[in-house]
Amino acid sequence: MIIGKHRGTCATIDLGAIKHNLKIERQRMEPGQELFAVVKADAYSHGLVPVAVAAQEAGVDGFCVAVIDEAVALRENGITKPILILGASPEMEAPYMAKFNLSTAVSDLHFLQTAQPLLAAQNLKLKVHLALDTGMGRIGFRDQKTVKAAIEFMDHHQAQFEFEGIFTHFSTADSADDSYFKKQLNKFHELMEVVTQRPRYVHVANSAASIWHKQCGGNMIRLGIGMYGLNPSGKEVQLPHDVALKPAFELTSHIVEVKQVHPGDSISYGTTYTATKDEWIGTVPMGYADGWLRRMQGSTVLVDGQECEIVGRICMDQFMIRLPHEVPLGTKVTLIGENGGKQKTAQDAADYAGTIHYEILCSIGQRVPRFYVEK
């Protein structure tokens, strides 16, 4: 069920742009590398299943998600290719993951020790990717001794575990300063010294590393934000000339009320905006419950190609904008995308909000329906 499809506020997802971005990545990959599409967090708010289907059509080799439920949703919607769960999962869920033929990140020996008898009791085998913490500080093994112990445990229990992969995640691959990236890469090589027989997948490259650090190696790339057409670095580092990404996400609404206010009239909660002259005010049916958060007050949207400021506090379901003149009801309002020859990007919104474009996209709630096109 699409919630809110009668309100006129929607996100339009260009699956053609996603396929284009995957093609760009394919052209830059080294021989023998595989491409996994990262579709966690509802495909960065683009829609888990539609994006995964489009990526599968584009020929990706597998998928990455964050949690078990995302992986199961893909399986239940016909995705048969490998699926890797990148986040830490409860040991008790090991049989459940095995039943759906899922691969999972494992970050400590305790998981393996607890999961082994559970898997044995049901004659199940779980695919494991050992997570190495080389400096992200999130999950993963941090020294050679524990990495070796985990590998030896899986060797002794091959009926319950398939050592399918090993990986790390870089925290500054999108930065102009590569000193910490090099430190992490060196730590990864150090930990890999005890991996005498490498598993099928050795992977280190996210979108940023695949763009700016191709020398980091690995035989699988986890393409996340790049697949959706955005620069992983925001504006800090420019994309190379051969990485011509196309944003896939457009966010629009429309005008549901137009009124003229006069000097002294205030707008919205807390009277944080008061008109100083006669002004035309338009009401837009979108608010912080939809993900356009209160901190966006004062930013601008596009109406007929003109920048219109959000005035007054953003409400739960609506916000108001100052119009240059009276406009008809139903006039299109663009928050992200093109309007009248001008462009608003997720990066523009992030710059105003003091955050990153990832958060802007992931904040857009399920009440905003997604519609799919292929341009």
Protein backbone atom coordinates (compact mmCIF):
# COMPACT_ATOMS: atom_id res chain seq x y z
CA MET A 1 0.00 0.00 0.00
CA ILE A 2 1.25 3.47 -0.91
CA ILE A 3 0.55 5.83 1.99
CA GLY A 4 -0.11 9.44 1.07
CA LYS A 5 -0.55 8.97 -2.67
CA HIS A 6 -3.50 11.40 -2.71
CA ARG A 7 -1.59 14.28 -1.13
CA GLY A 8 0.53 15.43 -4.05
CA THR A 9 3.83 15.02 -2.19
CA CYS A 10 6.02 12.29 -3.64
CA ALA A 11 9.48 11.06 -4.47
CA THR A 12 10.20 10.03 -8.05
CA ILE A 13 12.99 7.49 -8.46
CA ASP A 14 14.77 7.17 -11.81
CA LEU A 15 15.77 3.52 -12.10
CA GLY A 16 17.50 4.38 -15.35
CA ALA A 17 19.88 6.64 -13.42
CA ILE A 18 20.65 3.79 -11.00
CA LYS A 19 21.45 1.47 -13.91
CA HIS A 20 23.62 4.19 -15.46
CA ASN A 21 25.59 4.61 -12.24
CA LEU A 22 26.13 0.86 -11.98
CA LYS A 23 27.40 0.85 -15.56
CA ILE A 24 29.86 3.63 -14.73
CA GLU A 25 31.20 1.57 -11.82
CA ARG A 26 31.48 -1.56 -13.96
CA GLN A 27 33.59 0.32 -16.50
CA ARG A 28 36.09 1.33 -13.79
CA MET A 29 36.40 -2.04 -12.03
CA GLU A 30 39.44 -4.28 -12.23
CA PRO A 31 39.23 -7.70 -13.91
CA GLY A 32 37.92 -10.34 -11.51
CA GLN A 33 36.15 -7.88 -9.20
CA GLU A 34 32.49 -8.41 -8.35
CA LEU A 35 29.92 -5.67 -7.71
CA PHE A 36 27.51 -5.77 -4.77
CA ALA A 37 24.74 -3.17 -4.58
CA VAL A 38 24.21 -1.69 -1.12
CA VAL A 39 20.45 -1.43 -0.60
CA LYS A 40 20.26 -1.04 3.17
CA ALA A 41 17.97 1.54 4.78
CA ASP A 42 15.29 1.02 2.12
CA ALA A 43 17.94 1.56 -0.54
CA TYR A 44 18.89 4.90 0.99
CA SER A 45 15.16 5.79 0.88
CA HIS A 46 14.87 4.98 -2.83
CA GLY A 47 12.90 1.77 -2.19
CA LEU A 48 14.46 -1.58 -1.28
CA VAL A 49 12.76 -3.99 -3.67
CA PRO A 50 12.38 -1.79 -6.79
CA VAL A 51 16.01 -0.71 -6.59
CA ALA A 52 17.23 -4.27 -5.99
CA VAL A 53 15.24 -5.54 -8.97
CA ALA A 54 16.69 -2.79 -11.17
CA ALA A 55 20.20 -3.53 -9.92
CA GLN A 56 19.73 -7.22 -10.59
CA GLU A 57 18.58 -6.36 -14.12
CA ALA A 58 21.74 -4.28 -14.47
CA GLY A 59 23.83 -7.34 -13.66
CA VAL A 60 25.12 -6.82 -10.12
CA ASP A 61 26.68 -9.88 -8.52
CA GLY A 62 25.06 -9.52 -5.11
CA PHE A 63 23.60 -7.22 -2.48
CA CYS A 64 24.54 -5.73 0.88
CA VAL A 65 22.03 -4.86 3.59
CA ALA A 66 22.34 -3.84 7.23
CA VAL A 67 19.87 -6.10 9.03
CA ILE A 68 18.25 -9.52 8.67
CA ASP A 69 14.78 -8.22 7.84
CA GLU A 70 16.09 -6.32 4.80
CA ALA A 71 17.75 -9.48 3.50
CA VAL A 72 14.65 -11.62 4.02
CA ALA A 73 12.50 -9.02 2.24
CA LEU A 74 14.78 -9.36 -0.80
CA ARG A 75 14.54 -13.15 -0.74
CA GLU A 76 10.75 -13.00 -0.43
CA ASN A 77 10.62 -10.72 -3.47
CA GLY A 78 12.57 -12.97 -5.78
CA ILE A 79 16.17 -11.86 -5.27
CA THR A 80 18.27 -15.02 -5.54
CA LYS A 81 21.78 -13.56 -5.76
CA PRO A 82 24.12 -13.47 -2.73
CA ILE A 83 23.04 -11.16 0.08
CA LEU A 84 25.47 -10.00 2.76
CA ILE A 85 24.24 -8.59 6.08
CA LEU A 86 26.82 -5.98 7.07
CA GLY A 87 25.59 -5.31 10.59
CA ALA A 88 26.00 -7.43 13.71
CA SER A 89 23.20 -10.00 14.06
CA PRO A 90 22.10 -11.92 17.18
CA GLU A 91 23.67 -15.36 17.52
CA MET A 92 20.24 -16.93 18.03
CA GLU A 93 19.29 -15.87 14.50
CA ALA A 94 22.04 -17.92 12.84
CA PRO A 95 19.70 -20.77 11.79
CA TYR A 96 17.16 -18.28 10.44
CA MET A 97 19.83 -16.61 8.30
CA ALA A 98 21.07 -19.97 7.06
CA LYS A 99 17.57 -21.03 6.00
CA PHE A 100 17.36 -17.99 3.72
CA ASN A 101 20.86 -18.61 2.32
CA LEU A 102 22.18 -15.33 3.69
CA SER A 103 25.75 -14.33 4.40
CA THR A 104 26.45 -12.42 7.59
CA ALA A 105 29.18 -10.31 9.10
CA VAL A 106 30.74 -11.85 12.22
CA SER A 107 32.79 -9.67 14.52
CA ASP A 108 33.74 -11.93 17.43
CA LEU A 109 34.42 -15.54 18.32
CA HIS A 110 31.48 -15.64 20.74
CA PHE A 111 29.02 -15.46 17.84
CA LEU A 112 30.55 -18.54 16.23
CA GLN A 113 30.72 -20.48 19.47
CA THR A 114 27.10 -19.76 20.33
CA ALA A 115 25.74 -20.28 16.82
CA GLN A 116 27.55 -23.56 16.14
CA PRO A 117 25.33 -25.90 18.22
CA LEU A 118 22.19 -24.12 17.03
CA LEU A 119 23.17 -24.71 13.41
CA ALA A 120 24.23 -28.29 14.12
CA ALA A 121 20.89 -29.10 15.73
CA GLN A 122 19.10 -28.23 12.48
CA ASN A 123 21.81 -29.46 10.10
CA LEU A 124 22.31 -25.96 8.71
CA LYS A 125 25.35 -24.11 7.38
CA LEU A 126 25.90 -20.36 7.65
CA LYS A 127 28.00 -18.25 5.30
CA VAL A 128 30.33 -15.97 7.25
CA HIS A 129 32.24 -12.79 6.41
CA LEU A 130 34.69 -11.86 9.15
CA ALA A 131 34.56 -8.13 9.90
CA LEU A 132 37.91 -6.51 10.68
CA ASP A 133 38.03 -3.28 12.68
CA THR A 134 40.98 -1.43 11.19
CA GLY A 135 40.04 1.94 12.63
CA MET A 136 36.33 2.51 12.09
CA GLY A 137 35.69 1.52 15.71
CA ARG A 138 32.31 0.00 14.95
CA ILE A 139 32.39 -3.80 14.73
CA GLY A 140 35.13 -6.29 13.97
CA PHE A 141 38.21 -8.22 15.03
CA ARG A 142 41.12 -6.00 15.99
CA ASP A 143 44.14 -8.29 16.28
CA GLN A 144 45.71 -11.25 14.55
CA LYS A 145 45.17 -13.62 17.48
CA THR A 146 41.38 -13.32 17.46
CA VAL A 147 41.16 -13.43 13.67
CA LYS A 148 43.18 -16.64 13.65
CA ALA A 149 41.03 -18.14 16.42
CA ALA A 150 37.84 -17.43 14.49
CA ILE A 151 39.20 -18.99 11.30
CA GLU A 152 40.40 -22.08 13.19
CA PHE A 153 37.00 -22.46 14.85
CA MET A 154 35.27 -22.40 11.46
CA ASP A 155 37.83 -24.88 10.09
CA HIS A 156 36.93 -27.25 12.92
CA HIS A 157 33.20 -26.83 12.27
CA GLN A 158 32.93 -26.80 8.50
CA ALA A 159 29.55 -28.52 8.65
CA GLN A 160 28.11 -25.38 10.28
CA PHE A 161 30.17 -22.56 8.75
CA GLU A 162 31.36 -21.54 5.33
CA PHE A 163 34.16 -18.98 5.56
CA GLU A 164 32.95 -16.99 2.57
CA GLY A 165 34.49 -13.57 3.08
CA ILE A 166 36.57 -11.12 5.05
CA PHE A 167 36.32 -7.33 4.96
CA THR A 168 36.84 -3.95 6.53
CA HIS A 169 35.30 -0.49 6.18
CA PHE A 170 37.18 2.77 5.70
CA SER A 171 36.10 5.81 7.67
CA THR A 172 37.87 8.49 5.61
CA ALA A 173 37.98 7.13 2.06
CA ASP A 174 35.98 10.20 0.99
CA SER A 175 38.42 12.69 2.51
CA ALA A 176 41.05 14.79 0.76
CA ASP A 177 43.47 13.77 3.51
CA ASP A 178 44.33 10.12 2.94
CA SER A 179 46.64 9.61 5.94
CA TYR A 180 44.10 7.78 8.07
CA PHE A 181 42.92 5.78 5.08
CA LYS A 182 46.50 4.54 4.58
CA LYS A 183 46.72 3.67 8.28
CA GLN A 184 43.57 1.58 8.01
CA LEU A 185 44.75 -0.12 4.83
CA ASN A 186 48.05 -1.05 6.48
CA LYS A 187 46.14 -2.45 9.47
CA PHE A 188 44.00 -4.54 7.12
CA HIS A 189 47.10 -6.01 5.46
CA GLU A 190 48.54 -6.76 8.90
CA LEU A 191 45.41 -8.64 10.01
CA MET A 192 45.28 -10.51 6.70
CA GLU A 193 48.73 -12.00 7.34
CA VAL A 194 47.13 -14.77 9.42
CA VAL A 195 44.58 -15.62 6.71
CA THR A 196 46.56 -18.41 5.07
CA GLN A 197 43.73 -19.53 2.80
CA ARG A 198 41.71 -16.62 1.50
CA PRO A 199 37.94 -16.94 1.25
CA ARG A 200 35.95 -16.27 -1.90
CA TYR A 201 35.41 -12.58 -1.09
CA VAL A 202 38.03 -10.16 0.22
CA HIS A 203 36.45 -6.73 0.17
CA VAL A 204 37.42 -3.29 1.37
CA ALA A 205 36.03 -0.83 -1.20
CA ASN A 206 32.90 1.21 -0.58
CA SER A 207 31.82 3.84 -3.12
CA ALA A 208 34.47 6.31 -2.02
CA ALA A 209 37.32 3.82 -2.00
CA SER A 210 36.32 2.50 -5.42
CA ILE A 211 36.42 6.05 -6.81
CA TRP A 212 39.55 7.51 -5.22
CA HIS A 213 41.53 4.50 -3.94
CA LYS A 214 41.37 1.82 -6.59
CA GLN A 215 44.76 0.60 -5.37
CA CYS A 216 43.18 -0.67 -2.14
CA GLY A 217 42.39 -3.95 -3.88
CA GLY A 218 39.88 -6.59 -2.96
CA ASN A 219 37.78 -8.66 -5.34
CA MET A 220 34.40 -7.17 -4.48
CA ILE A 221 33.09 -3.59 -4.38
CA ARG A 222 30.23 -2.53 -2.12
CA LEU A 223 28.60 0.29 -4.09
CA GLY A 224 26.32 2.42 -1.94
CA ILE A 225 25.81 6.16 -2.36
CA GLY A 226 27.50 6.13 -5.76
CA MET A 227 24.77 3.87 -7.11
CA TYR A 228 22.21 6.54 -6.24
CA GLY A 229 24.17 9.19 -8.13
CA LEU A 230 25.72 11.23 -5.34
CA ASN A 231 29.33 12.14 -4.59
CA PRO A 232 30.39 10.19 -1.46
CA SER A 233 32.52 13.16 -0.41
CA GLY A 234 29.77 15.73 -0.71
CA LYS A 235 31.67 18.77 -1.95
CA GLU A 236 35.06 18.13 -0.34
CA VAL A 237 36.57 16.11 -3.19
CA GLN A 238 35.45 16.43 -6.80
CA LEU A 239 34.53 13.32 -8.75
CA PRO A 240 36.96 12.19 -11.45
CA HIS A 241 35.98 13.02 -15.03
CA ASP A 242 35.07 9.40 -15.75
CA VAL A 243 32.57 9.22 -12.87
CA ALA A 244 29.58 11.00 -14.39
CA LEU A 245 26.92 10.03 -11.87
CA LYS A 246 23.21 10.78 -12.26
CA PRO A 247 21.10 11.46 -9.14
CA ALA A 248 18.11 9.14 -9.02
CA PHE A 249 15.96 10.89 -6.39
CA GLU A 250 13.49 13.72 -6.98
CA LEU A 251 11.28 15.14 -4.22
CA THR A 252 8.28 17.30 -5.09
CA SER A 253 5.02 18.62 -3.69
CA HIS A 254 2.54 21.34 -4.67
CA ILE A 255 0.76 24.42 -3.39
CA VAL A 256 -2.49 23.70 -1.54
CA GLU A 257 -3.25 27.22 -0.31
CA VAL A 258 -2.22 30.73 -1.27
CA LYS A 259 -2.90 33.77 0.88
CA GLN A 260 -1.76 37.35 1.07
CA VAL A 261 -0.49 38.44 4.46
CA HIS A 262 0.20 41.96 5.69
CA PRO A 263 2.77 43.68 7.89
CA GLY A 264 2.60 42.25 11.41
CA ASP A 265 1.04 38.92 10.38
CA SER A 266 2.96 35.91 11.74
CA ILE A 267 3.40 32.46 10.25
CA SER A 268 3.39 29.07 12.00
CA TYR A 269 4.20 27.91 15.53
CA GLY A 270 6.08 30.21 17.85
CA THR A 271 5.60 33.28 15.60
CA THR A 272 9.22 32.94 14.46
CA TYR A 273 8.41 34.73 11.20
CA THR A 274 6.46 37.97 10.93
CA ALA A 275 5.80 39.75 7.64
CA THR A 276 7.17 43.26 7.31
CA LYS A 277 5.23 44.02 4.14
CA ASP A 278 2.46 42.55 2.01
CA GLU A 279 3.51 39.05 0.98
CA TRP A 280 2.10 36.02 -0.81
CA ILE A 281 2.37 32.85 1.27
CA GLY A 282 1.93 29.33 -0.09
CA THR A 283 1.24 26.23 2.00
CA VAL A 284 2.97 22.96 1.03
CA PRO A 285 1.67 19.59 2.28
CA MET A 286 4.89 18.18 3.65
CA GLY A 287 6.45 18.43 7.09
CA TYR A 288 8.86 16.99 9.57
CA ALA A 289 6.80 13.79 9.83
CA ASP A 290 7.77 13.25 6.19
CA GLY A 291 11.44 13.97 6.83
CA TRP A 292 11.70 17.66 5.93
CA LEU A 293 12.87 18.56 9.41
CA ARG A 294 12.35 21.75 11.36
CA ARG A 295 15.97 22.75 10.88
CA MET A 296 15.15 23.36 7.18
CA GLN A 297 13.27 26.54 8.12
CA GLY A 298 14.82 29.38 6.14
CA SER A 299 16.01 27.15 3.30
CA THR A 300 14.49 27.49 -0.15
CA VAL A 301 12.49 25.35 -2.56
CA LEU A 302 11.78 25.93 -6.24
CA VAL A 303 8.49 27.22 -7.64
CA ASP A 304 8.37 28.09 -11.35
CA GLY A 305 12.15 28.13 -11.35
CA GLN A 306 12.35 30.67 -8.52
CA GLU A 307 13.84 30.25 -5.04
CA CYS A 308 11.14 30.49 -2.39
CA GLU A 309 12.07 30.63 1.29
CA ILE A 310 10.43 28.41 3.91
CA VAL A 311 9.03 30.89 6.42
CA GLY A 312 7.95 30.05 9.94
CA ARG A 313 8.53 26.75 11.63
CA ILE A 314 8.02 23.60 9.62
CA CYS A 315 4.98 21.78 10.98
CA MET A 316 4.44 18.03 11.27
CA ASP A 317 2.52 17.83 7.98
CA GLN A 318 2.92 21.21 6.25
CA PHE A 319 5.23 24.15 5.75
CA MET A 320 4.80 27.62 4.33
CA ILE A 321 6.84 29.46 1.72
CA ARG A 322 7.09 33.08 0.63
CA LEU A 323 6.06 33.37 -3.00
CA PRO A 324 7.23 36.09 -5.40
CA HIS A 325 3.60 36.57 -6.48
CA GLU A 326 0.26 34.81 -6.41
CA VAL A 327 0.38 31.38 -8.06
CA PRO A 328 -2.41 28.89 -8.89
CA LEU A 329 -3.27 26.12 -6.48
CA GLY A 330 -1.53 22.92 -7.51
CA THR A 331 1.64 24.68 -8.65
CA LYS A 332 4.60 22.28 -8.41
CA VAL A 333 7.11 22.72 -5.58
CA THR A 334 10.52 21.07 -5.93
CA LEU A 335 12.62 20.24 -2.87
CA ILE A 336 15.12 18.00 -4.68
CA GLY A 337 15.32 18.00 -8.46
CA GLU A 338 14.90 20.32 -11.44
CA ASN A 339 12.26 23.04 -11.73
CA GLY A 340 12.10 25.77 -14.35
CA GLY A 341 15.70 25.25 -15.41
CA LYS A 342 17.08 25.43 -11.87
CA GLN A 343 18.31 22.55 -9.72
CA LYS A 344 17.97 21.68 -6.04
CA THR A 345 20.13 18.81 -4.84
CA ALA A 346 20.24 16.66 -1.74
CA GLN A 347 23.66 18.22 -1.19
CA ASP A 348 22.08 21.70 -1.15
CA ALA A 349 19.70 20.56 1.58
CA ALA A 350 22.55 18.94 3.50
CA ASP A 351 24.66 22.08 3.32
CA TYR A 352 21.84 24.14 4.77
CA ALA A 353 21.08 21.61 7.51
CA GLY A 354 24.72 21.11 8.45
CA THR A 355 24.65 17.41 7.68
CA ILE A 356 25.35 15.00 4.80
CA HIS A 357 23.17 14.10 1.84
CA TYR A 358 22.89 10.52 3.13
CA GLU A 359 20.88 11.79 6.10
CA ILE A 360 18.67 14.02 3.96
CA LEU A 361 17.62 11.07 1.80
CA CYS A 362 17.28 8.58 4.65
CA SER A 363 15.06 11.02 6.58
CA ILE A 364 12.33 11.00 3.93
CA GLY A 365 9.60 8.90 5.53
CA GLN A 366 7.37 6.15 4.23
CA ARG A 367 4.38 8.50 4.13
CA VAL A 368 5.97 10.02 1.04
CA PRO A 369 5.09 7.61 -1.78
CA ARG A 370 7.80 6.53 -4.22
CA PHE A 371 7.01 6.42 -7.92
CA TYR A 372 9.38 4.77 -10.38
CA VAL A 373 10.42 5.83 -13.86
CA GLU A 374 13.21 4.77 -16.17
CA LYS A 375 14.52 7.67 -18.18
